[in-house]
């Protein structure tokens, strides 16, 4: 299952908004937790702007956020980048479009609370809310 960045960060407890217990159960029962590489860019931006508190230096947090949480990071490939560019304009955020394109490209379920994601027919049968 691919996690949207905000879900991933809340799951790792670096957000002031904890995830609902049912969402945590859903994540922890999935066979493989996956994030797009763009989620690191988003997390770095949030950290840099003081919007999240990692409780440690970015360089220390980075390996723990992946290996410590047993998360697989999928790269942004040329096909994912192109798919994101050609998605309908329901959502203009390029990071979210890359996350959507990653889930679609691999045919993986995507967990997000983003209200705009429901408008993507490409996510039919893949979107978990």
N, C-alpha and C. Protein backbone atom coordinates (compact mmCIF):
# COMPACT_ATOMS: atom_id res chain seq x y z
N UNK A 1 0.83 -1.17 0.00
CA UNK A 1 0.00 0.00 0.00
C UNK A 1 0.89 1.25 0.00
N UNK A 2 0.55 2.19 -0.88
CA UNK A 2 1.26 3.46 -0.95
C UNK A 2 0.60 4.43 0.04
N UNK A 3 1.43 5.12 0.82
CA UNK A 3 0.92 6.11 1.75
C UNK A 3 1.17 7.51 1.19
N UNK A 4 0.14 8.34 1.23
CA UNK A 4 0.32 9.75 0.92
C UNK A 4 1.24 10.33 2.00
N UNK A 5 1.95 11.38 1.68
CA UNK A 5 2.94 11.93 2.61
C UNK A 5 2.34 12.27 3.97
N UNK A 6 1.18 12.91 3.99
CA UNK A 6 0.61 13.30 5.28
C UNK A 6 0.24 12.07 6.13
N UNK A 7 -0.16 11.00 5.49
CA UNK A 7 -0.47 9.76 6.23
C UNK A 7 0.83 9.17 6.78
N UNK A 8 1.85 9.11 5.95
CA UNK A 8 3.14 8.55 6.36
C UNK A 8 3.70 9.30 7.57
N UNK A 9 3.68 10.63 7.50
CA UNK A 9 4.24 11.42 8.60
C UNK A 9 3.41 11.28 9.88
N UNK A 10 2.11 11.22 9.73
CA UNK A 10 1.26 11.03 10.92
C UNK A 10 1.46 9.63 11.49
N UNK A 11 1.66 8.64 10.63
CA UNK A 11 1.92 7.26 11.09
C UNK A 11 3.23 7.20 11.87
N UNK A 12 4.21 7.97 11.42
CA UNK A 12 5.50 8.00 12.11
C UNK A 12 5.47 8.89 13.35
N UNK A 13 4.32 9.50 13.60
CA UNK A 13 4.10 10.34 14.79
C UNK A 13 4.95 11.60 14.81
N UNK A 14 5.18 12.20 13.64
CA UNK A 14 5.88 13.48 13.60
C UNK A 14 4.90 14.63 13.37
N UNK A 15 3.65 14.32 13.40
CA UNK A 15 2.60 15.32 13.24
C UNK A 15 1.87 15.48 14.56
N UNK A 16 1.30 16.66 14.76
CA UNK A 16 0.52 16.88 15.98
C UNK A 16 -0.86 16.24 15.88
N UNK A 17 -1.18 15.68 14.70
CA UNK A 17 -2.47 15.02 14.50
C UNK A 17 -2.26 13.52 14.36
N UNK A 18 -2.50 12.77 15.42
CA UNK A 18 -2.34 11.31 15.29
C UNK A 18 -3.40 10.74 14.35
N UNK A 19 -3.05 9.65 13.73
CA UNK A 19 -4.00 8.96 12.85
C UNK A 19 -5.07 8.25 13.67
N UNK A 20 -6.26 8.12 13.10
CA UNK A 20 -7.28 7.29 13.78
C UNK A 20 -6.77 5.85 13.92
N UNK A 21 -7.18 5.19 14.98
CA UNK A 21 -6.74 3.82 15.25
C UNK A 21 -7.04 2.88 14.08
N UNK A 22 -8.18 3.06 13.44
CA UNK A 22 -8.53 2.19 12.31
C UNK A 22 -7.56 2.36 11.15
N UNK A 23 -7.07 3.59 10.95
CA UNK A 23 -6.10 3.84 9.88
C UNK A 23 -4.76 3.21 10.21
N UNK A 24 -4.34 3.32 11.46
CA UNK A 24 -3.09 2.69 11.89
C UNK A 24 -3.19 1.19 11.71
N UNK A 25 -4.31 0.61 12.10
CA UNK A 25 -4.51 -0.84 11.91
C UNK A 25 -4.42 -1.21 10.44
N UNK A 26 -5.03 -0.43 9.58
CA UNK A 26 -5.00 -0.68 8.14
C UNK A 26 -3.57 -0.70 7.62
N UNK A 27 -2.78 0.29 8.05
CA UNK A 27 -1.38 0.38 7.61
C UNK A 27 -0.59 -0.81 8.14
N UNK A 28 -0.74 -1.10 9.39
CA UNK A 28 0.07 -2.15 10.02
C UNK A 28 -0.34 -3.56 9.60
N UNK A 29 -1.52 -3.70 9.01
CA UNK A 29 -1.94 -5.01 8.52
C UNK A 29 -1.58 -5.22 7.05
N UNK A 30 -1.13 -4.16 6.39
CA UNK A 30 -0.76 -4.29 4.98
C UNK A 30 0.57 -5.04 4.86
N UNK A 31 0.70 -5.76 3.79
CA UNK A 31 1.91 -6.56 3.59
C UNK A 31 3.15 -5.69 3.43
N UNK A 32 3.03 -4.61 2.65
CA UNK A 32 4.17 -3.75 2.37
C UNK A 32 3.74 -2.28 2.42
N UNK A 33 4.44 -1.48 3.19
CA UNK A 33 4.19 -0.05 3.25
C UNK A 33 5.16 0.62 2.28
N UNK A 34 4.59 1.43 1.39
CA UNK A 34 5.36 2.04 0.32
C UNK A 34 5.13 3.54 0.32
N UNK A 35 6.17 4.29 0.02
CA UNK A 35 6.02 5.72 -0.23
C UNK A 35 6.76 6.06 -1.52
N UNK A 36 6.34 7.15 -2.12
CA UNK A 36 7.06 7.68 -3.27
C UNK A 36 8.25 8.49 -2.77
N UNK A 37 9.31 8.52 -3.54
CA UNK A 37 10.48 9.31 -3.17
C UNK A 37 10.13 10.79 -2.98
N UNK A 38 9.10 11.27 -3.66
CA UNK A 38 8.71 12.67 -3.51
C UNK A 38 8.26 12.99 -2.10
N UNK A 39 7.85 11.98 -1.35
CA UNK A 39 7.44 12.22 0.04
C UNK A 39 8.60 12.72 0.89
N UNK A 40 9.82 12.37 0.55
CA UNK A 40 10.98 12.88 1.29
C UNK A 40 11.17 14.37 1.02
N UNK A 41 10.93 14.77 -0.21
CA UNK A 41 11.01 16.20 -0.54
C UNK A 41 9.96 16.96 0.26
N UNK A 42 8.73 16.43 0.28
CA UNK A 42 7.66 17.09 1.04
C UNK A 42 8.00 17.15 2.53
N UNK A 43 8.49 16.06 3.08
CA UNK A 43 8.85 16.02 4.51
C UNK A 43 9.99 17.01 4.80
N UNK A 44 10.97 17.08 3.91
CA UNK A 44 12.09 18.02 4.10
C UNK A 44 11.59 19.46 4.07
N UNK A 45 10.67 19.75 3.16
CA UNK A 45 10.11 21.10 3.09
C UNK A 45 9.35 21.45 4.37
N UNK A 46 8.55 20.52 4.86
CA UNK A 46 7.80 20.75 6.10
C UNK A 46 8.74 20.95 7.28
N UNK A 47 9.79 20.15 7.34
CA UNK A 47 10.78 20.26 8.42
C UNK A 47 11.52 21.60 8.33
N UNK A 48 11.96 21.94 7.13
CA UNK A 48 12.70 23.18 6.91
C UNK A 48 11.88 24.40 7.32
N UNK A 49 10.58 24.35 7.06
CA UNK A 49 9.70 25.48 7.38
C UNK A 49 9.15 25.43 8.81
N UNK A 50 9.56 24.43 9.58
CA UNK A 50 9.13 24.31 10.97
C UNK A 50 7.70 23.84 11.14
N UNK A 51 7.14 23.22 10.10
CA UNK A 51 5.74 22.75 10.18
C UNK A 51 5.62 21.37 10.81
N UNK A 52 6.73 20.61 10.85
CA UNK A 52 6.78 19.35 11.58
C UNK A 52 8.03 19.33 12.44
N UNK A 53 7.94 18.61 13.54
CA UNK A 53 9.08 18.47 14.45
C UNK A 53 9.49 17.00 14.43
N UNK A 54 10.65 16.74 13.90
CA UNK A 54 11.14 15.37 13.79
C UNK A 54 11.74 14.87 15.10
N UNK A 55 12.04 15.77 16.01
CA UNK A 55 12.63 15.39 17.29
C UNK A 55 14.11 15.09 17.19
N UNK A 56 14.67 15.29 16.01
CA UNK A 56 16.10 15.05 15.80
C UNK A 56 16.52 15.73 14.50
N UNK A 57 17.78 15.69 14.20
CA UNK A 57 18.30 16.26 12.96
C UNK A 57 17.77 15.46 11.76
N UNK A 58 17.55 16.15 10.64
CA UNK A 58 17.05 15.52 9.41
C UNK A 58 17.91 14.31 9.02
N UNK A 59 19.23 14.45 9.06
CA UNK A 59 20.13 13.36 8.64
C UNK A 59 19.98 12.13 9.54
N UNK A 60 19.68 12.33 10.79
CA UNK A 60 19.44 11.21 11.71
C UNK A 60 18.08 10.58 11.46
N UNK A 61 17.08 11.41 11.18
CA UNK A 61 15.71 10.95 11.01
C UNK A 61 15.52 10.14 9.73
N UNK A 62 16.18 10.55 8.68
CA UNK A 62 15.97 9.95 7.36
C UNK A 62 16.09 8.43 7.34
N UNK A 63 17.19 7.83 7.80
CA UNK A 63 17.26 6.36 7.76
C UNK A 63 16.24 5.68 8.68
N UNK A 64 15.93 6.32 9.80
CA UNK A 64 14.94 5.74 10.72
C UNK A 64 13.54 5.74 10.11
N UNK A 65 13.24 6.75 9.30
CA UNK A 65 11.91 6.87 8.70
C UNK A 65 11.65 5.78 7.67
N UNK A 66 12.72 5.18 7.18
CA UNK A 66 12.56 4.12 6.18
C UNK A 66 12.85 2.77 6.81
N UNK A 67 14.09 2.54 7.18
CA UNK A 67 14.47 1.23 7.71
C UNK A 67 13.78 0.93 9.03
N UNK A 68 13.71 1.93 9.90
CA UNK A 68 13.09 1.74 11.21
C UNK A 68 11.61 1.43 11.12
N UNK A 69 10.97 1.94 10.06
CA UNK A 69 9.54 1.72 9.89
C UNK A 69 9.25 0.64 8.85
N UNK A 70 10.30 0.04 8.30
CA UNK A 70 10.16 -1.02 7.29
C UNK A 70 9.33 -0.54 6.09
N UNK A 71 9.74 0.61 5.54
CA UNK A 71 9.06 1.24 4.42
C UNK A 71 9.90 1.07 3.16
N UNK A 72 9.22 0.78 2.06
CA UNK A 72 9.89 0.72 0.75
C UNK A 72 9.65 2.04 0.04
N UNK A 73 10.72 2.61 -0.50
CA UNK A 73 10.63 3.87 -1.23
C UNK A 73 10.73 3.58 -2.71
N UNK A 74 9.69 3.99 -3.45
CA UNK A 74 9.71 3.82 -4.91
C UNK A 74 10.22 5.08 -5.56
N UNK A 75 11.13 4.94 -6.53
CA UNK A 75 11.68 6.12 -7.20
C UNK A 75 10.68 6.73 -8.18
N UNK A 76 10.94 7.95 -8.55
CA UNK A 76 10.15 8.60 -9.59
C UNK A 76 10.81 8.26 -10.92
N UNK A 77 10.17 7.37 -11.65
CA UNK A 77 10.72 6.94 -12.94
C UNK A 77 10.20 7.85 -14.04
N UNK A 78 10.72 7.67 -15.23
CA UNK A 78 10.25 8.48 -16.36
C UNK A 78 8.78 8.21 -16.66
N UNK A 79 8.33 6.98 -16.49
CA UNK A 79 6.91 6.68 -16.77
C UNK A 79 6.00 7.27 -15.69
N UNK A 80 6.46 7.27 -14.45
CA UNK A 80 5.68 7.89 -13.38
C UNK A 80 5.61 9.40 -13.59
N UNK A 81 6.74 10.00 -13.93
CA UNK A 81 6.76 11.45 -14.17
C UNK A 81 5.82 11.84 -15.30
N UNK A 82 5.83 11.07 -16.39
CA UNK A 82 4.96 11.37 -17.53
C UNK A 82 3.50 11.14 -17.16
N UNK A 83 3.22 10.05 -16.44
CA UNK A 83 1.85 9.78 -16.03
C UNK A 83 1.32 10.92 -15.16
N UNK A 84 2.14 11.43 -14.24
CA UNK A 84 1.74 12.54 -13.38
C UNK A 84 1.43 13.79 -14.21
N UNK A 85 2.22 14.03 -15.23
CA UNK A 85 2.00 15.20 -16.08
C UNK A 85 0.69 15.12 -16.85
N UNK A 86 0.28 13.92 -17.23
CA UNK A 86 -0.91 13.75 -18.04
C UNK A 86 -2.18 13.44 -17.24
N UNK A 87 -2.08 13.41 -15.91
CA UNK A 87 -3.29 13.23 -15.10
C UNK A 87 -4.20 14.44 -15.28
N UNK A 88 -5.50 14.26 -15.13
CA UNK A 88 -6.41 15.40 -15.18
C UNK A 88 -6.02 16.44 -14.12
N UNK A 89 -6.41 17.67 -14.34
CA UNK A 89 -6.02 18.77 -13.45
C UNK A 89 -6.88 18.92 -12.21
N UNK A 90 -7.33 17.83 -11.63
CA UNK A 90 -8.12 17.92 -10.39
C UNK A 90 -7.28 18.45 -9.25
N UNK A 91 -6.02 18.16 -9.29
CA UNK A 91 -5.09 18.51 -8.21
C UNK A 91 -3.85 19.08 -8.85
N UNK A 92 -3.51 20.30 -8.49
CA UNK A 92 -2.36 20.95 -9.12
C UNK A 92 -1.05 20.71 -8.37
N UNK A 93 -1.10 20.12 -7.20
CA UNK A 93 0.10 19.87 -6.41
C UNK A 93 0.94 18.79 -7.09
N UNK A 94 2.13 19.15 -7.57
CA UNK A 94 2.94 18.16 -8.31
C UNK A 94 3.36 16.96 -7.46
N UNK A 95 3.59 17.15 -6.18
CA UNK A 95 3.98 16.03 -5.32
C UNK A 95 2.83 15.02 -5.21
N UNK A 96 1.63 15.53 -4.99
CA UNK A 96 0.48 14.62 -4.90
C UNK A 96 0.22 13.93 -6.23
N UNK A 97 0.42 14.63 -7.32
CA UNK A 97 0.23 14.02 -8.64
C UNK A 97 1.25 12.89 -8.86
N UNK A 98 2.47 13.07 -8.36
CA UNK A 98 3.49 12.01 -8.47
C UNK A 98 3.14 10.81 -7.59
N UNK A 99 2.57 11.07 -6.43
CA UNK A 99 2.14 9.97 -5.55
C UNK A 99 1.01 9.19 -6.21
N UNK A 100 0.05 9.91 -6.76
CA UNK A 100 -1.05 9.25 -7.48
C UNK A 100 -0.51 8.43 -8.63
N UNK A 101 0.37 9.02 -9.42
CA UNK A 101 0.94 8.32 -10.58
C UNK A 101 1.71 7.08 -10.16
N UNK A 102 2.38 7.12 -9.02
CA UNK A 102 3.11 5.95 -8.51
C UNK A 102 2.15 4.82 -8.21
N UNK A 103 1.08 5.12 -7.50
CA UNK A 103 0.09 4.08 -7.17
C UNK A 103 -0.53 3.50 -8.44
N UNK A 104 -0.87 4.36 -9.38
CA UNK A 104 -1.50 3.90 -10.63
C UNK A 104 -0.52 3.07 -11.44
N UNK A 105 0.71 3.53 -11.56
CA UNK A 105 1.71 2.82 -12.36
C UNK A 105 1.93 1.39 -11.86
N UNK A 106 1.94 1.22 -10.56
CA UNK A 106 2.18 -0.11 -9.97
C UNK A 106 0.89 -0.85 -9.63
N UNK A 107 -0.26 -0.19 -9.81
CA UNK A 107 -1.53 -0.83 -9.49
C UNK A 107 -1.68 -1.13 -8.00
N UNK A 108 -1.17 -0.22 -7.17
CA UNK A 108 -1.17 -0.42 -5.72
C UNK A 108 -2.24 0.44 -5.05
N UNK A 109 -2.81 -0.06 -3.95
CA UNK A 109 -3.74 0.78 -3.20
C UNK A 109 -3.02 2.01 -2.66
N UNK A 110 -3.73 3.13 -2.59
CA UNK A 110 -3.19 4.39 -2.10
C UNK A 110 -4.04 4.88 -0.94
N UNK A 111 -3.41 5.11 0.20
CA UNK A 111 -4.10 5.59 1.39
C UNK A 111 -3.87 7.09 1.52
N UNK A 112 -4.97 7.85 1.47
CA UNK A 112 -4.90 9.30 1.58
C UNK A 112 -6.20 9.83 2.14
N UNK A 113 -6.10 10.96 2.84
CA UNK A 113 -7.27 11.68 3.30
C UNK A 113 -7.56 12.89 2.41
N UNK A 114 -6.74 13.08 1.37
CA UNK A 114 -6.89 14.24 0.49
C UNK A 114 -8.21 14.16 -0.26
N UNK A 115 -9.03 15.16 -0.10
CA UNK A 115 -10.37 15.18 -0.71
C UNK A 115 -10.32 15.21 -2.23
N UNK A 116 -9.25 15.71 -2.82
CA UNK A 116 -9.16 15.82 -4.28
C UNK A 116 -8.89 14.47 -4.96
N UNK A 117 -8.34 13.53 -4.23
CA UNK A 117 -7.97 12.24 -4.83
C UNK A 117 -9.17 11.47 -5.36
N UNK A 118 -10.33 11.67 -4.75
CA UNK A 118 -11.51 10.93 -5.18
C UNK A 118 -11.94 11.30 -6.60
N UNK A 119 -11.48 12.42 -7.11
CA UNK A 119 -11.85 12.87 -8.46
C UNK A 119 -11.07 12.15 -9.56
N UNK A 120 -10.05 11.42 -9.20
CA UNK A 120 -9.22 10.73 -10.20
C UNK A 120 -9.78 9.36 -10.50
N UNK A 121 -10.33 9.20 -11.68
CA UNK A 121 -10.84 7.89 -12.10
C UNK A 121 -9.72 6.87 -12.16
N UNK A 122 -8.50 7.34 -12.38
CA UNK A 122 -7.34 6.46 -12.42
C UNK A 122 -7.17 5.69 -11.11
N UNK A 123 -7.71 6.27 -10.02
CA UNK A 123 -7.60 5.64 -8.70
C UNK A 123 -8.80 4.76 -8.36
N UNK A 124 -9.74 4.61 -9.28
CA UNK A 124 -10.89 3.75 -9.02
C UNK A 124 -10.41 2.35 -8.62
N UNK A 125 -10.88 1.88 -7.48
CA UNK A 125 -10.47 0.57 -6.99
C UNK A 125 -9.14 0.56 -6.27
N UNK A 126 -8.42 1.70 -6.27
CA UNK A 126 -7.12 1.77 -5.62
C UNK A 126 -7.12 2.68 -4.39
N UNK A 127 -8.01 3.66 -4.35
CA UNK A 127 -8.00 4.65 -3.28
C UNK A 127 -8.60 4.08 -1.99
N UNK A 128 -7.82 4.19 -0.92
CA UNK A 128 -8.26 3.78 0.41
C UNK A 128 -8.38 5.06 1.23
N UNK A 129 -9.55 5.26 1.84
CA UNK A 129 -9.77 6.49 2.63
C UNK A 129 -10.00 6.15 4.08
